[in-house]
Amino acid sequence: AAGDWSDWASLGNAGGPVTGIAVAQDGGGALHVCVTHKNNTVTHRYQEDQGGSWMGWTNLGAPDAGAIADPAIICDSEGYVNLLLTRPGKDGMITFRQIADGRFVKGPAIPALPPH
């Protein structure tokens, strides 16, 4: 709140080499980090509450049979975290939504935009 930065702190081993990372705040102000890995899996770690302790890494698995890349996290109007992943070589995106108990559930695919 005072605008000062803390010292660097490790978030631990996310489960292997990381190929992409995304960070966002949820509706309560807690930070969420999602990373993608070379084996096309996704892991997630978050704060218990704003400025609070970090929970351990959770493996969300491999959401698609192919490669995934470019993770993005957005907070929706209900304060829940949504994870978006592109699929290189395929059209559209894969979506996940965090639900009230903290788990992520796979949402509908977002189709690619038609060419102009």
Foldseek 3Di string as FASTA:
>chain_A
DPPDDDDDDDLDDLDADFDDKEWDAFPQQKIKMWTADPVQWIKIKIAPGHVHDIDHIDTPGRPDPAHWDDWYWDYDPVRWIKIWIDGPPAFFIWIWIQDPVGDIDTDDTGGHDDDD
